[in-house]
């Protein structure tokens, strides 16, 4: 697959700006001292619907034709993208059909409904979700939008890093968590076109390390287990985002579960903000291998803050 051009990246940035927050960037002297690096946290937990995924959803919907918009959009998701697509569709006046597993937390279903999404429940397996989404697509003519393996979604997700680089163009490194691959791929495109020799390093749990193994072999790998507290990273790469990752991401650092929890707690305590476990994975990676980041200016994408407050890991 051909790497998207700078013009494609710039156009996506311009498209999403009226519909998203330019989220704040936080710093912490203590976290700088702990890591040995100068850290800049891009706080997408303050984004509309509480996560970076609003960016990709709004960009993807804007690329549809008028007739496609009239038919609506459909996706399958148990969490953030379900909410993002619902809110993005509502913002643009179109219908969003959301397939959610029947065992998804009620709080997430309630959020989707509040954003105007029309929920259809399915069994929790990926195969069951995909089948139900395909059924809705056939019945309604709605356009299927994948949460991470869609080039317009990828371009939208990269706009968070563009905002960060516009503020701090001299970053040496950018880091983001790796789940489905949309955020890290978009971040890598931002670094390529907006950074100055800016390297991209991803963070991933050992318990769901398909992206790490994919980079090692050059072929998309899959997880046999996803027993990680970072529930937003339990997905796998796709054929649109993996070529970008393979070409533009230098490395993926894996972290243990206790390292994720400790990093999450540090962010809560020192930055005084609510973030979900997936957000903490890049910081955990930096603290695990500090020699790679020593004395460097590092941007970290804090991906979201939709956490179940009744089920905290600490």
Protein backbone atom coordinates (compact mmCIF):
# COMPACT_ATOMS: atom_id res chain seq x y z
CA UNK A 1 0.00 0.00 0.00
CA UNK A 2 1.20 3.50 -0.86
CA UNK A 3 1.94 5.77 2.14
CA UNK A 4 -0.58 8.69 2.19
CA UNK A 5 0.81 12.00 0.95
CA UNK A 6 1.40 15.15 2.96
CA UNK A 7 -1.56 16.73 1.16
CA UNK A 8 -3.83 13.87 2.31
CA UNK A 9 -2.63 14.35 5.89
CA UNK A 10 -3.10 18.14 5.73
CA UNK A 11 -6.58 17.80 4.24
CA UNK A 12 -7.65 15.47 7.03
CA UNK A 13 -6.31 17.93 9.60
CA UNK A 14 -8.29 20.79 8.06
CA UNK A 15 -11.46 18.68 7.84
CA UNK A 16 -11.58 17.63 11.47
CA UNK A 17 -10.69 20.95 13.11
CA UNK A 18 -14.24 22.40 13.28
CA UNK A 19 -15.53 19.23 14.96
CA UNK A 20 -12.89 18.35 17.57
CA UNK A 21 -11.16 19.94 20.54
CA UNK A 22 -7.54 21.02 20.22
CA UNK A 23 -6.73 19.21 23.44
CA UNK A 24 -4.23 20.56 26.00
CA UNK A 25 -0.64 19.42 26.48
CA UNK A 26 0.47 18.72 30.05
CA UNK A 27 3.94 18.38 31.55
CA UNK A 28 5.23 17.17 34.92
CA UNK A 29 8.59 17.94 36.48
CA UNK A 30 8.44 14.77 38.57
CA UNK A 31 7.65 12.54 35.56
CA UNK A 32 10.52 14.20 33.68
CA UNK A 33 12.85 13.35 36.55
CA UNK A 34 11.58 9.77 36.80
CA UNK A 35 12.02 9.15 33.07
CA UNK A 36 15.15 11.18 32.41
CA UNK A 37 13.32 12.73 29.44
CA UNK A 38 11.27 15.85 28.81
CA UNK A 39 7.70 14.57 28.40
CA UNK A 40 4.77 16.32 26.70
CA UNK A 41 1.41 14.62 27.24
CA UNK A 42 -1.23 15.28 24.55
CA UNK A 43 -4.43 14.87 26.56
CA UNK A 44 -6.98 13.23 24.30
CA UNK A 45 -8.88 12.20 27.42
CA UNK A 46 -10.31 15.74 27.10
CA UNK A 47 -11.47 15.10 23.53
CA UNK A 48 -15.17 15.00 22.67
CA UNK A 49 -16.58 11.62 23.83
CA UNK A 50 -13.39 11.22 25.86
CA UNK A 51 -10.95 9.74 23.35
CA UNK A 52 -8.90 10.38 20.20
CA UNK A 53 -11.26 8.21 18.15
CA UNK A 54 -13.60 11.13 17.54
CA UNK A 55 -10.98 12.41 15.09
CA UNK A 56 -10.93 9.36 12.84
CA UNK A 57 -14.70 8.94 12.92
CA UNK A 58 -15.41 12.52 11.86
CA UNK A 59 -12.82 12.41 9.07
CA UNK A 60 -14.12 9.11 7.68
CA UNK A 61 -17.75 10.26 7.62
CA UNK A 62 -16.84 13.52 5.88
CA UNK A 63 -15.30 11.53 3.02
CA UNK A 64 -18.60 9.84 2.16
CA UNK A 65 -20.76 10.88 -0.79
CA UNK A 66 -24.16 12.54 -0.15
CA UNK A 67 -25.98 9.29 -0.98
CA UNK A 68 -23.73 7.31 1.37
CA UNK A 69 -24.34 9.81 4.15
CA UNK A 70 -28.07 9.47 3.62
CA UNK A 71 -27.82 5.70 4.10
CA UNK A 72 -25.78 6.09 7.28
CA UNK A 73 -22.75 4.32 8.72
CA UNK A 74 -22.22 1.08 10.64
CA UNK A 75 -19.42 -0.29 12.79
CA UNK A 76 -18.82 -2.92 15.46
CA UNK A 77 -17.23 -1.83 18.72
CA UNK A 78 -17.63 -2.42 22.42
CA UNK A 79 -16.25 0.94 23.50
CA UNK A 80 -14.65 4.15 22.30
CA UNK A 81 -15.21 3.87 18.54
CA UNK A 82 -18.88 3.02 19.11
CA UNK A 83 -19.20 6.31 20.96
CA UNK A 84 -17.01 8.22 18.50
CA UNK A 85 -18.91 7.15 15.39
CA UNK A 86 -22.25 7.84 17.09
CA UNK A 87 -21.25 11.38 18.08
CA UNK A 88 -19.52 12.12 14.77
CA UNK A 89 -22.60 10.94 12.84
CA UNK A 90 -24.88 13.02 15.05
CA UNK A 91 -22.65 16.08 14.49
CA UNK A 92 -23.08 15.66 10.72
CA UNK A 93 -26.77 14.74 10.82
CA UNK A 94 -26.55 11.13 9.69
CA UNK A 95 -27.53 7.75 11.19
CA UNK A 96 -25.03 5.49 12.96
CA UNK A 97 -25.73 1.78 13.45
CA UNK A 98 -23.55 0.28 16.17
CA UNK A 99 -23.04 -3.44 16.75
CA UNK A 100 -22.06 -4.05 20.37
CA UNK A 101 -21.49 -7.34 22.17
CA UNK A 102 -24.32 -8.18 24.54
CA UNK A 103 -21.85 -8.31 27.44
CA UNK A 104 -20.55 -4.75 26.87
CA UNK A 105 -20.86 -2.60 30.02
CA UNK A 106 -24.21 -0.84 30.28
CA UNK A 107 -22.43 2.47 30.85
CA UNK A 108 -20.91 2.19 27.35
CA UNK A 109 -24.25 1.28 25.79
CA UNK A 110 -25.86 4.24 27.54
CA UNK A 111 -23.17 6.56 26.14
CA UNK A 112 -23.74 5.31 22.58
CA UNK A 113 -27.49 5.85 22.94
CA UNK A 114 -26.89 9.34 24.36
CA UNK A 115 -24.81 10.18 21.27
CA UNK A 116 -27.63 8.99 18.99
CA UNK A 117 -26.24 5.59 17.93
CA UNK A 118 -28.68 2.77 17.11
CA UNK A 119 -27.42 -0.33 18.94
CA UNK A 120 -27.77 -3.91 17.74
CA UNK A 121 -26.40 -6.50 20.14
CA UNK A 122 -24.41 -9.57 19.11
CA UNK A 123 -22.36 -12.34 20.64
CA UNK A 124 -18.98 -11.13 21.90
CA UNK A 125 -16.80 -12.84 19.27
CA UNK A 126 -15.28 -10.78 16.45
CA UNK A 127 -16.84 -13.14 13.91
CA UNK A 128 -20.31 -12.58 15.38
CA UNK A 129 -19.84 -8.80 15.45
CA UNK A 130 -18.63 -8.72 11.84
CA UNK A 131 -21.52 -10.89 10.67
CA UNK A 132 -24.11 -8.66 12.35
CA UNK A 133 -22.50 -5.50 10.93
CA UNK A 134 -22.53 -7.06 7.44
CA UNK A 135 -26.20 -7.91 7.90
CA UNK A 136 -27.04 -4.30 8.79
CA UNK A 137 -24.93 -3.07 5.87
CA UNK A 138 -26.91 -5.29 3.47
CA UNK A 139 -30.29 -4.32 4.93
CA UNK A 140 -29.79 -0.54 5.17
CA UNK A 141 -27.08 0.30 2.65
CA UNK A 142 -25.08 1.88 5.47
CA UNK A 143 -21.33 2.22 4.89
CA UNK A 144 -19.13 0.08 7.12
CA UNK A 145 -16.36 2.04 8.86
CA UNK A 146 -13.70 -0.03 10.60
CA UNK A 147 -12.49 1.37 13.95
CA UNK A 148 -8.80 1.29 12.97
CA UNK A 149 -8.19 -0.35 9.60
CA UNK A 150 -9.55 2.43 7.40
CA UNK A 151 -7.30 4.99 5.74
CA UNK A 152 -9.58 7.95 6.50
CA UNK A 153 -9.81 6.87 10.14
CA UNK A 154 -6.00 6.60 10.28
CA UNK A 155 -5.58 10.08 8.80
CA UNK A 156 -8.04 11.50 11.31
CA UNK A 157 -6.32 9.86 14.27
CA UNK A 158 -3.01 11.44 13.24
CA UNK A 159 -4.37 14.95 13.76
CA UNK A 160 -3.73 14.76 17.53
CA UNK A 161 0.00 14.39 16.87
CA UNK A 162 -0.11 17.20 14.31
CA UNK A 163 -1.52 19.55 16.96
CA UNK A 164 1.23 18.46 19.35
CA UNK A 165 3.96 19.00 16.75
CA UNK A 166 2.55 22.39 15.81
CA UNK A 167 3.06 23.36 19.46
CA UNK A 168 6.41 21.55 19.91
CA UNK A 169 7.99 21.09 16.45
CA UNK A 170 11.34 20.04 17.92
CA UNK A 171 10.19 16.76 19.51
CA UNK A 172 12.76 13.97 19.19
CA UNK A 173 10.22 11.20 19.69
CA UNK A 174 6.50 10.52 19.59
CA UNK A 175 4.96 7.60 21.46
CA UNK A 176 1.45 6.12 21.41
CA UNK A 177 -0.24 2.90 22.51
CA UNK A 178 -0.75 0.18 19.89
CA UNK A 179 -4.03 -1.70 19.64
CA UNK A 180 -5.78 -1.82 16.28
CA UNK A 181 -3.00 0.32 14.82
CA UNK A 182 -4.96 3.37 13.70
CA UNK A 183 -3.50 5.78 16.25
CA UNK A 184 0.15 4.73 15.91
CA UNK A 185 -0.11 4.76 12.09
CA UNK A 186 -1.66 8.24 12.08
CA UNK A 187 0.91 9.45 14.60
CA UNK A 188 3.72 8.12 12.40
CA UNK A 189 2.34 10.02 9.39
CA UNK A 190 2.22 13.20 11.48
CA UNK A 191 5.84 12.69 12.52
CA UNK A 192 6.90 12.10 8.91
CA UNK A 193 5.38 15.32 7.57
CA UNK A 194 5.34 17.67 10.56
CA UNK A 195 8.31 16.56 12.66
CA UNK A 196 12.03 17.18 12.27
CA UNK A 197 13.73 13.77 12.39
CA UNK A 198 11.03 12.75 14.85
CA UNK A 199 11.12 9.02 15.68
CA UNK A 200 7.98 7.04 16.57
CA UNK A 201 7.99 4.29 19.20
CA UNK A 202 4.87 2.39 20.21
CA UNK A 203 3.92 0.79 23.51
CA UNK A 204 2.11 -2.53 23.79
CA UNK A 205 1.24 -5.04 26.54
CA UNK A 206 3.06 -8.37 26.58
CA UNK A 207 -0.41 -9.90 26.92
CA UNK A 208 -1.48 -8.54 23.50
CA UNK A 209 1.76 -8.13 21.58
CA UNK A 210 0.64 -8.85 18.02
CA UNK A 211 2.07 -5.56 16.69
CA UNK A 212 5.49 -6.25 18.22
CA UNK A 213 5.55 -9.70 16.61
CA UNK A 214 4.25 -8.29 13.32
CA UNK A 215 7.16 -5.84 13.13
CA UNK A 216 9.61 -8.64 13.90
CA UNK A 217 8.37 -10.89 11.07
CA UNK A 218 7.10 -8.32 8.57
CA UNK A 219 3.70 -10.06 8.48
CA UNK A 220 0.53 -9.36 10.47
CA UNK A 221 0.42 -11.56 13.57
CA UNK A 222 -2.59 -12.28 15.76
CA UNK A 223 -3.14 -12.67 19.48
CA UNK A 224 -4.11 -15.99 20.99
CA UNK A 225 -4.88 -14.31 24.33
CA UNK A 226 -5.65 -10.71 25.27
CA UNK A 227 -5.56 -10.89 29.04
CA UNK A 228 -4.54 -7.27 29.61
CA UNK A 229 -5.89 -4.47 31.77
CA UNK A 230 -5.43 -2.22 28.72
CA UNK A 231 -8.78 -3.24 27.25
CA UNK A 232 -8.53 -0.73 24.40
CA UNK A 233 -5.50 -2.63 23.01
CA UNK A 234 -7.06 -6.08 22.65
CA UNK A 235 -7.49 -5.74 18.88
CA UNK A 236 -5.05 -6.46 16.04
CA UNK A 237 -3.46 -4.68 13.09
CA UNK A 238 -4.95 -4.50 9.61
CA UNK A 239 -3.84 -4.34 6.00
CA UNK A 240 -4.22 -0.54 5.80
CA UNK A 241 -2.35 0.48 8.93
CA UNK A 242 0.35 -2.20 9.07
CA UNK A 243 2.26 -1.02 5.95
CA UNK A 244 2.45 2.47 7.48
CA UNK A 245 3.61 1.07 10.82
CA UNK A 246 6.17 -1.18 9.14
CA UNK A 247 7.69 1.74 7.24
CA UNK A 248 7.47 4.57 9.76
CA UNK A 249 7.47 3.13 13.31
CA UNK A 250 10.97 2.46 14.66
CA UNK A 251 10.11 0.10 17.49
CA UNK A 252 7.40 -1.24 19.76
CA UNK A 253 8.25 -1.73 23.43
CA UNK A 254 6.27 -4.31 25.38
CA UNK A 255 5.29 -3.81 29.01
CA UNK A 256 4.03 -5.96 31.88
CA UNK A 257 0.59 -5.55 33.44
CA UNK A 258 1.95 -4.17 36.73
CA UNK A 259 4.00 -1.62 34.77
CA UNK A 260 0.83 -0.41 33.03
CA UNK A 261 -1.02 -0.08 36.32
CA UNK A 262 1.89 1.75 37.97
CA UNK A 263 2.17 4.18 35.04
CA UNK A 264 -1.59 4.80 35.06
CA UNK A 265 -1.45 5.60 38.76
CA UNK A 266 1.45 8.01 38.18
CA UNK A 267 -0.57 9.91 35.56
CA UNK A 268 -3.57 10.15 37.87
CA UNK A 269 -1.43 11.27 40.81
CA UNK A 270 0.99 13.63 39.06
CA UNK A 271 -1.00 15.08 36.15
CA UNK A 272 -4.26 15.04 38.18
CA UNK A 273 -6.27 13.67 35.26
CA UNK A 274 -8.38 10.57 34.57
CA UNK A 275 -6.95 8.26 31.91
CA UNK A 276 -7.78 4.69 30.96
CA UNK A 277 -5.19 1.89 31.24
CA UNK A 278 -4.36 1.91 27.50
CA UNK A 279 -3.16 5.52 27.87
CA UNK A 280 -0.53 4.51 30.38
CA UNK A 281 1.22 1.99 28.13
CA UNK A 282 3.58 4.49 26.39
CA UNK A 283 4.69 5.95 29.73
CA UNK A 284 5.21 2.42 31.06
CA UNK A 285 7.39 1.71 28.01
CA UNK A 286 9.49 4.82 28.64
CA UNK A 287 9.97 3.93 32.30
CA UNK A 288 10.84 0.33 31.34
CA UNK A 289 13.58 1.31 28.85
CA UNK A 290 14.60 4.85 29.89
CA UNK A 291 17.97 4.71 28.10
CA UNK A 292 16.16 5.02 24.75
CA UNK A 293 14.56 8.29 25.82
CA UNK A 294 17.21 9.86 28.05
CA UNK A 295 17.58 13.64 27.59
CA UNK A 296 15.11 13.62 24.68
CA UNK A 297 11.94 15.62 24.11
CA UNK A 298 9.14 13.06 23.92
CA UNK A 299 5.50 13.55 22.98
CA UNK A 300 3.02 11.03 24.38
CA UNK A 301 -0.51 10.64 23.04
CA UNK A 302 -2.81 10.01 26.01
CA UNK A 303 -5.46 8.20 24.04
CA UNK A 304 -8.56 8.53 26.25
CA UNK A 305 -10.21 8.74 29.63
CA UNK A 306 -13.27 6.49 29.41
CA UNK A 307 -12.55 4.40 32.46
CA UNK A 308 -14.92 2.41 34.66
CA UNK A 309 -14.49 4.22 37.98
CA UNK A 310 -16.05 1.30 39.86
CA UNK A 311 -13.37 -1.07 38.55
CA UNK A 312 -10.00 0.67 38.88
CA UNK A 313 -6.84 -1.51 38.77
CA UNK A 314 -5.29 0.27 41.76
